[in-house]
Amino acid sequence: MSQGSNFVDYVKICCRSGKGGAGSAHLHRDILTSMGGPDGGDGGRGGHIIVVGSSNIWTLLHLKYRKHIIAEDGLAGGSSHKSGRQGKDEILEVPLGTIAKDAETGEVLFEITQNGETKILTHGGRGGQGNAHFKNSVQQTPRYAQPGEQGQEVWNVLELKVLADVGLVGFPNAGKSTLLSVVSAAKPEIADYPFTTIVPNLGIVSYRGGKSFVMADIPGIIEGASKGKGLGYRFLRHIERNSVLLFMVPADTSRSIKEEYEILKHELESYNPELMQKPHVLAVTKSDMLDQELMDEMKQDLPNIPSIFISSVAEKNILELKDMLWKAIES
């Protein structure tokens, strides 16, 4: 199975929480007592559907084919004030960066960003109170108890936004996958045609002194992506979660480097203006074909952000690029 089919960043699931158990309307009876007081126990709570963050998983693939998530019903209360057992909760593990939404309204319910973070997606019904609760000076032997509360049945969406320190931003064929394969152990598919990367690839980049950071190769965006054109929104969503944006423009671009950077920046800004507040770094890729004179000339026309000429294939200026990125992450 290719990574493309393994990476699932959106699932729509029907969540049905458990019904609460009914309270008991039992009246105490034993050999000595023919007409005792109320001793009905409470019903058990219905099972919740709970979402838990896990740093060990990167995708929602395991939920793709589980369209219906059903928690257990609570059991009814018994005599002698015995409470019914709670329904078993249904636990869904999700990757960090998962957002839960109401499928009908699109309202964001919560997001999971920490390992072990736990949120209730769908609450189970409360158990009904037994008749012992309803005894008073007027009504000594109440013969009624509460039914259990119904569970909820709702459609929810779980959506993943990749969490990474550095997001690679560039048009298709800017050399993003090649860079990731050189600086980390990630092995993204690399080829000389647009849209080779159709899912985000993550790599751990080792740095000086045993430090490391996470780099995400975001699929190439094209002009008009912010309007949903091409692979559009689905990929821009992942860029929102990166701390630093590394813009990658090839040295052999048909436009000027500044012009290509401005187009990429405009796409991101149209989608979410907050992306402009993240640190931007520019890498001019495939620069092993340039001589020093040409690079000096091109430097005159670069945008006013930290910039570097690199070549992933020739491993030129790769360590210097890591230094720039680390500085941006730390800031």
Protein backbone atom coordinates (compact mmCIF):
# COMPACT_ATOMS: atom_id res chain seq x y z
CA MET A 1 0.00 0.00 0.00
CA SER A 2 1.44 3.39 -0.90
CA GLN A 3 1.74 6.22 1.57
CA GLY A 4 -0.94 8.03 -0.43
CA SER A 5 -3.56 5.47 0.51
CA ASN A 6 -2.23 5.28 4.09
CA PHE A 7 -2.59 9.00 4.75
CA VAL A 8 -6.18 9.89 5.61
CA ASP A 9 -6.78 13.41 6.95
CA TYR A 10 -10.60 13.53 6.93
CA VAL A 11 -13.26 11.11 8.20
CA LYS A 12 -16.99 11.50 8.72
CA ILE A 13 -18.42 9.19 11.39
CA CYS A 14 -21.82 8.55 12.94
CA CYS A 15 -21.44 8.56 16.74
CA ARG A 16 -24.10 6.90 18.89
CA SER A 17 -23.56 7.16 22.61
CA GLY A 18 -25.14 4.73 25.09
CA LYS A 19 -28.61 5.11 26.60
CA GLY A 20 -28.74 5.54 30.37
CA GLY A 21 -30.12 2.60 32.37
CA ALA A 22 -33.53 2.98 34.03
CA GLY A 23 -33.81 3.55 37.77
CA SER A 24 -35.48 0.77 39.77
CA ALA A 25 -38.89 1.19 41.43
CA HIS A 26 -38.31 -1.77 43.79
CA LEU A 27 -39.84 -1.87 47.31
CA HIS A 28 -37.91 -3.66 50.03
CA ARG A 29 -39.19 -7.17 50.88
CA ASP A 30 -37.80 -9.88 53.14
CA ILE A 31 -39.10 -12.56 55.52
CA LEU A 32 -39.87 -10.02 58.21
CA THR A 33 -41.01 -7.18 55.95
CA SER A 34 -43.93 -7.53 53.56
CA MET A 35 -44.29 -3.88 52.76
CA GLY A 36 -40.91 -2.12 53.07
CA GLY A 37 -39.79 1.25 51.82
CA PRO A 38 -38.31 2.07 48.41
CA ASP A 39 -34.83 0.61 47.75
CA GLY A 40 -34.55 0.95 43.97
CA GLY A 41 -31.04 1.74 42.74
CA ASP A 42 -30.03 4.21 40.00
CA GLY A 43 -29.48 3.24 36.40
CA GLY A 44 -25.93 3.33 34.98
CA ARG A 45 -24.75 6.10 32.65
CA GLY A 46 -24.65 5.26 28.96
CA GLY A 47 -21.19 4.98 27.36
CA HIS A 48 -19.49 8.14 26.06
CA ILE A 49 -17.61 8.32 22.77
CA ILE A 50 -14.20 9.70 23.74
CA VAL A 51 -11.34 11.03 21.61
CA VAL A 52 -7.75 10.65 22.86
CA GLY A 53 -4.62 12.20 21.31
CA SER A 54 -1.76 9.84 20.47
CA SER A 55 1.71 10.82 19.28
CA ASN A 56 2.16 7.30 17.88
CA ILE A 57 -0.25 7.74 14.96
CA TRP A 58 -0.02 10.18 12.03
CA THR A 59 -3.24 9.49 10.14
CA LEU A 60 -6.99 8.85 10.55
CA LEU A 61 -6.77 5.73 8.37
CA HIS A 62 -7.90 3.41 11.19
CA LEU A 63 -11.23 5.28 11.37
CA LYS A 64 -11.84 5.48 7.62
CA TYR A 65 -13.92 2.29 7.47
CA ARG A 66 -15.60 2.66 10.89
CA LYS A 67 -18.59 4.69 9.78
CA HIS A 68 -20.66 3.92 12.91
CA ILE A 69 -19.18 4.23 16.40
CA ILE A 70 -21.58 2.82 18.98
CA ALA A 71 -21.07 2.97 22.77
CA GLU A 72 -22.73 0.55 25.19
CA ASP A 73 -26.00 1.27 27.03
CA GLY A 74 -26.03 1.61 30.81
CA LEU A 75 -27.77 -1.13 32.81
CA ALA A 76 -30.90 -0.67 34.93
CA GLY A 77 -30.69 -0.18 38.70
CA GLY A 78 -31.54 -3.07 41.02
CA SER A 79 -33.02 -3.69 44.46
CA SER A 80 -31.18 -2.91 47.72
CA HIS A 81 -30.02 0.43 46.28
CA LYS A 82 -27.78 -1.34 43.75
CA SER A 83 -26.78 0.97 40.87
CA GLY A 84 -26.71 -0.36 37.33
CA ARG A 85 -23.35 -0.74 35.59
CA GLN A 86 -22.19 2.13 33.37
CA GLY A 87 -22.10 1.48 29.63
CA LYS A 88 -18.58 0.91 28.26
CA ASP A 89 -17.08 4.05 26.70
CA GLU A 90 -15.86 3.89 23.09
CA ILE A 91 -12.32 5.31 22.85
CA LEU A 92 -11.03 6.72 19.54
CA GLU A 93 -7.28 7.37 19.27
CA VAL A 94 -6.41 10.24 16.93
CA PRO A 95 -3.18 11.93 15.81
CA LEU A 96 -2.14 15.25 17.33
CA GLY A 97 -3.55 18.11 15.28
CA THR A 98 -7.02 16.50 14.92
CA ILE A 99 -10.04 18.82 14.95
CA ALA A 100 -13.55 17.54 15.76
CA LYS A 101 -16.51 19.26 14.10
CA ASP A 102 -20.27 18.90 13.97
CA ALA A 103 -20.92 17.53 10.48
CA GLU A 104 -24.27 19.35 10.14
CA THR A 105 -23.22 22.86 11.21
CA GLY A 106 -19.44 22.75 10.66
CA GLU A 107 -18.98 24.08 14.22
CA VAL A 108 -15.56 23.23 15.69
CA LEU A 109 -16.10 21.27 18.91
CA PHE A 110 -12.48 20.94 20.03
CA GLU A 111 -8.98 20.14 18.83
CA ILE A 112 -6.44 17.65 20.13
CA THR A 113 -2.85 18.89 20.30
CA GLN A 114 -1.29 16.99 23.24
CA ASN A 115 -0.41 13.33 23.69
CA GLY A 116 -2.98 11.77 26.05
CA GLU A 117 -5.38 14.75 25.75
CA THR A 118 -8.91 13.42 26.24
CA LYS A 119 -12.23 14.96 25.12
CA ILE A 120 -15.78 13.61 25.09
CA LEU A 121 -17.11 13.71 21.53
CA THR A 122 -20.61 12.36 22.31
CA HIS A 123 -22.00 12.20 25.86
CA GLY A 124 -23.80 9.07 27.02
CA GLY A 125 -27.31 9.39 28.47
CA ARG A 126 -27.62 9.84 32.24
CA GLY A 127 -28.95 6.91 34.24
CA GLY A 128 -32.42 7.29 35.76
CA GLN A 129 -32.78 7.76 39.53
CA GLY A 130 -34.28 4.91 41.54
CA ASN A 131 -37.45 5.34 43.60
CA ALA A 132 -35.42 5.78 46.82
CA HIS A 133 -34.74 9.36 45.68
CA PHE A 134 -38.45 10.22 45.59
CA LYS A 135 -39.39 9.21 49.15
CA ASN A 136 -40.64 12.10 51.30
CA SER A 137 -42.91 12.72 54.28
CA VAL A 138 -46.00 12.65 52.08
CA GLN A 139 -44.99 9.87 49.71
CA GLN A 140 -43.45 7.09 51.82
CA THR A 141 -43.47 4.35 49.17
CA PRO A 142 -43.07 5.90 45.73
CA ARG A 143 -43.63 3.23 43.06
CA TYR A 144 -42.00 5.12 40.22
CA ALA A 145 -38.43 5.74 39.09
CA GLN A 146 -36.85 7.72 36.27
CA PRO A 147 -36.22 6.12 32.90
CA GLY A 148 -32.68 6.44 31.58
CA GLU A 149 -31.83 9.37 29.31
CA GLN A 150 -31.49 8.55 25.62
CA GLY A 151 -28.03 8.51 24.09
CA GLN A 152 -27.18 10.92 21.26
CA GLU A 153 -26.76 10.05 17.61
CA VAL A 154 -24.78 12.65 15.70
CA TRP A 155 -22.57 12.84 12.62
CA ASN A 156 -19.14 14.24 13.34
CA VAL A 157 -16.13 15.09 11.20
CA LEU A 158 -12.56 14.47 12.33
CA GLU A 159 -10.05 16.49 10.35
CA LEU A 160 -6.28 16.38 10.66
CA LYS A 161 -3.95 19.35 10.31
CA VAL A 162 -0.35 18.22 10.33
CA LEU A 163 1.71 19.60 13.22
CA ALA A 164 5.28 20.40 12.21
CA ASP A 165 8.01 22.92 12.99
CA VAL A 166 8.80 23.73 9.37
CA GLY A 167 6.37 23.57 6.45
CA LEU A 168 7.77 23.52 2.92
CA VAL A 169 5.84 25.82 0.59
CA GLY A 170 6.37 25.93 -3.17
CA PHE A 171 4.93 25.15 -6.56
CA PRO A 172 5.12 21.56 -7.78
CA ASN A 173 8.68 20.56 -8.71
CA ALA A 174 10.34 23.17 -6.47
CA GLY A 175 12.49 20.39 -4.94
CA LYS A 176 10.63 20.03 -1.63
CA SER A 177 10.56 16.23 -1.58
CA THR A 178 14.24 16.05 -2.57
CA LEU A 179 15.20 18.37 0.30
CA LEU A 180 13.17 16.31 2.79
CA SER A 181 14.83 13.09 1.63
CA VAL A 182 18.29 14.66 2.08
CA VAL A 183 17.78 16.22 5.55
CA SER A 184 15.71 13.43 7.14
CA ALA A 185 15.03 9.71 6.99
CA ALA A 186 11.73 10.31 5.18
CA LYS A 187 11.56 8.70 1.75
CA PRO A 188 8.94 10.66 -0.20
CA GLU A 189 8.16 9.75 -3.81
CA ILE A 190 10.26 11.98 -6.06
CA ALA A 191 9.77 12.47 -9.78
CA ASP A 192 10.13 15.21 -12.35
CA TYR A 193 6.45 16.01 -12.79
CA PRO A 194 3.94 18.18 -10.90
CA PHE A 195 1.94 16.84 -7.97
CA THR A 196 4.21 13.90 -7.16
CA THR A 197 3.46 14.68 -3.53
CA ILE A 198 -0.25 14.27 -2.97
CA VAL A 199 -0.12 13.86 0.81
CA PRO A 200 2.01 15.68 3.38
CA ASN A 201 5.28 13.85 4.10
CA LEU A 202 6.82 14.30 7.54
CA GLY A 203 10.50 13.95 8.38
CA ILE A 204 12.53 14.37 11.57
CA VAL A 205 15.53 16.58 10.78
CA SER A 206 18.51 16.01 13.08
CA TYR A 207 20.40 19.14 14.08
CA ARG A 208 23.53 20.08 16.02
CA GLY A 209 23.95 18.83 19.59
CA GLY A 210 21.41 16.01 19.30
CA LYS A 211 18.53 18.45 18.68
CA SER A 212 15.91 17.83 16.00
CA PHE A 213 12.82 19.37 14.42
CA VAL A 214 9.91 18.15 12.30
CA MET A 215 9.68 19.18 8.64
CA ALA A 216 6.54 18.67 6.55
CA ASP A 217 6.62 18.56 2.76
CA ILE A 218 3.26 20.15 1.97
CA PRO A 219 1.97 19.22 -1.50
CA GLY A 220 2.69 21.84 -4.18
CA ILE A 221 0.20 24.66 -4.35
CA ILE A 222 -0.74 26.35 -7.57
CA GLU A 223 -2.09 29.79 -8.32
CA GLY A 224 -5.75 29.75 -7.35
CA ALA A 225 -5.36 27.10 -4.64
CA SER A 226 -6.91 29.43 -2.08
CA LYS A 227 -10.11 29.43 -4.19
CA GLY A 228 -10.20 25.65 -4.06
CA LYS A 229 -8.59 25.20 -7.50
CA GLY A 230 -6.39 22.15 -8.07
CA LEU A 231 -5.74 20.31 -4.82
CA GLY A 232 -6.44 23.58 -3.04
CA TYR A 233 -7.85 23.86 0.45
CA ARG A 234 -7.08 20.34 1.49
CA PHE A 235 -3.34 21.06 1.40
CA LEU A 236 -3.40 24.66 2.57
CA ARG A 237 -5.08 23.34 5.72
CA HIS A 238 -1.85 21.58 6.72
CA ILE A 239 0.26 24.72 6.30
CA GLU A 240 -1.73 26.48 9.07
CA ARG A 241 -0.11 24.34 11.75
CA ASN A 242 3.57 24.89 10.93
CA SER A 243 5.68 27.26 13.05
CA VAL A 244 8.01 28.37 10.24
CA LEU A 245 7.30 28.46 6.51
CA LEU A 246 10.18 27.63 4.18
CA PHE A 247 9.39 28.99 0.72
CA MET A 248 11.19 27.07 -2.01
CA VAL A 249 11.71 28.58 -5.45
CA PRO A 250 13.88 26.83 -8.07
CA ALA A 251 16.75 28.83 -9.58
CA ASP A 252 15.50 27.92 -13.07
CA THR A 253 12.03 29.42 -12.55
CA SER A 254 10.54 31.13 -15.61
CA ARG A 255 9.55 34.10 -13.39
CA SER A 256 11.77 36.13 -11.14
CA ILE A 257 12.35 34.56 -7.71
CA LYS A 258 10.72 37.53 -5.99
CA GLU A 259 7.66 37.26 -8.26
CA GLU A 260 7.24 33.53 -7.54
CA TYR A 261 7.60 34.14 -3.79
CA GLU A 262 4.95 36.90 -3.95
CA ILE A 263 2.51 34.57 -5.77
CA LEU A 264 2.99 31.83 -3.16
CA LYS A 265 2.62 34.37 -0.38
CA HIS A 266 -0.56 35.76 -1.95
CA GLU A 267 -2.11 32.26 -2.11
CA LEU A 268 -1.45 31.70 1.57
CA GLU A 269 -2.66 35.16 2.57
CA SER A 270 -5.92 34.75 0.62
CA TYR A 271 -6.57 31.50 2.47
CA ASN A 272 -5.60 32.71 5.95
CA PRO A 273 -4.00 36.13 6.65
CA GLU A 274 -2.60 34.79 9.95
CA LEU A 275 -0.07 32.76 7.94
CA MET A 276 1.70 36.02 7.19
CA GLN A 277 2.63 36.34 10.88
CA LYS A 278 4.76 33.17 10.84
CA PRO A 279 8.50 33.48 10.16
CA HIS A 280 9.25 33.10 6.44
CA VAL A 281 12.55 31.74 5.08
CA LEU A 282 13.39 31.51 1.37
CA ALA A 283 15.51 28.76 -0.20
CA VAL A 284 16.50 29.12 -3.86
CA THR A 285 16.78 25.48 -4.93
CA LYS A 286 18.72 23.74 -7.73
CA SER A 287 21.40 26.41 -7.37
CA ASP A 288 24.30 24.01 -8.14
CA MET A 289 23.87 25.18 -11.76
CA LEU A 290 24.65 28.81 -10.82
CA ASP A 291 28.09 30.39 -10.61
CA GLN A 292 28.95 32.96 -7.93
CA GLU A 293 28.56 35.91 -10.31
CA LEU A 294 25.03 34.89 -11.27
CA MET A 295 24.08 34.32 -7.62
CA ASP A 296 25.38 37.75 -6.63
CA GLU A 297 23.28 39.26 -9.42
CA MET A 298 20.14 37.32 -8.35
CA LYS A 299 20.61 38.35 -4.70
CA GLN A 300 19.85 41.95 -5.70
CA ASP A 301 16.29 40.94 -6.53
CA LEU A 302 15.42 38.68 -3.56
CA PRO A 303 12.56 39.56 -1.19
CA ASN A 304 13.49 41.04 2.17
CA ILE A 305 13.42 37.83 4.23
CA PRO A 306 16.20 35.43 5.33
CA SER A 307 17.31 33.75 2.07
CA ILE A 308 19.81 31.10 1.00
CA PHE A 309 20.88 29.36 -2.22
CA ILE A 310 20.86 25.58 -1.83
CA SER A 311 21.20 22.38 -3.80
CA SER A 312 19.76 19.23 -2.22
CA VAL A 313 21.39 16.96 -4.83
CA ALA A 314 24.86 18.51 -4.35
CA GLU A 315 24.12 19.00 -0.60
CA LYS A 316 25.16 22.63 -0.97
CA ASN A 317 24.41 24.97 2.00
CA ILE A 318 22.15 22.34 3.66
CA LEU A 319 23.69 22.76 7.13
CA GLU A 320 23.50 26.56 6.75
CA LEU A 321 19.81 26.19 5.86
CA LYS A 322 19.24 24.10 9.02
CA ASP A 323 20.92 26.89 11.05
CA MET A 324 18.55 29.47 9.56
CA LEU A 325 15.50 27.29 10.22
CA TRP A 326 16.53 26.52 13.81
CA LYS A 327 17.00 30.22 14.48
CA ALA A 328 13.51 30.93 13.05
CA ILE A 329 11.92 28.10 15.11
CA GLU A 330 13.60 29.34 18.32
CA SER A 331 12.41 32.91 17.70
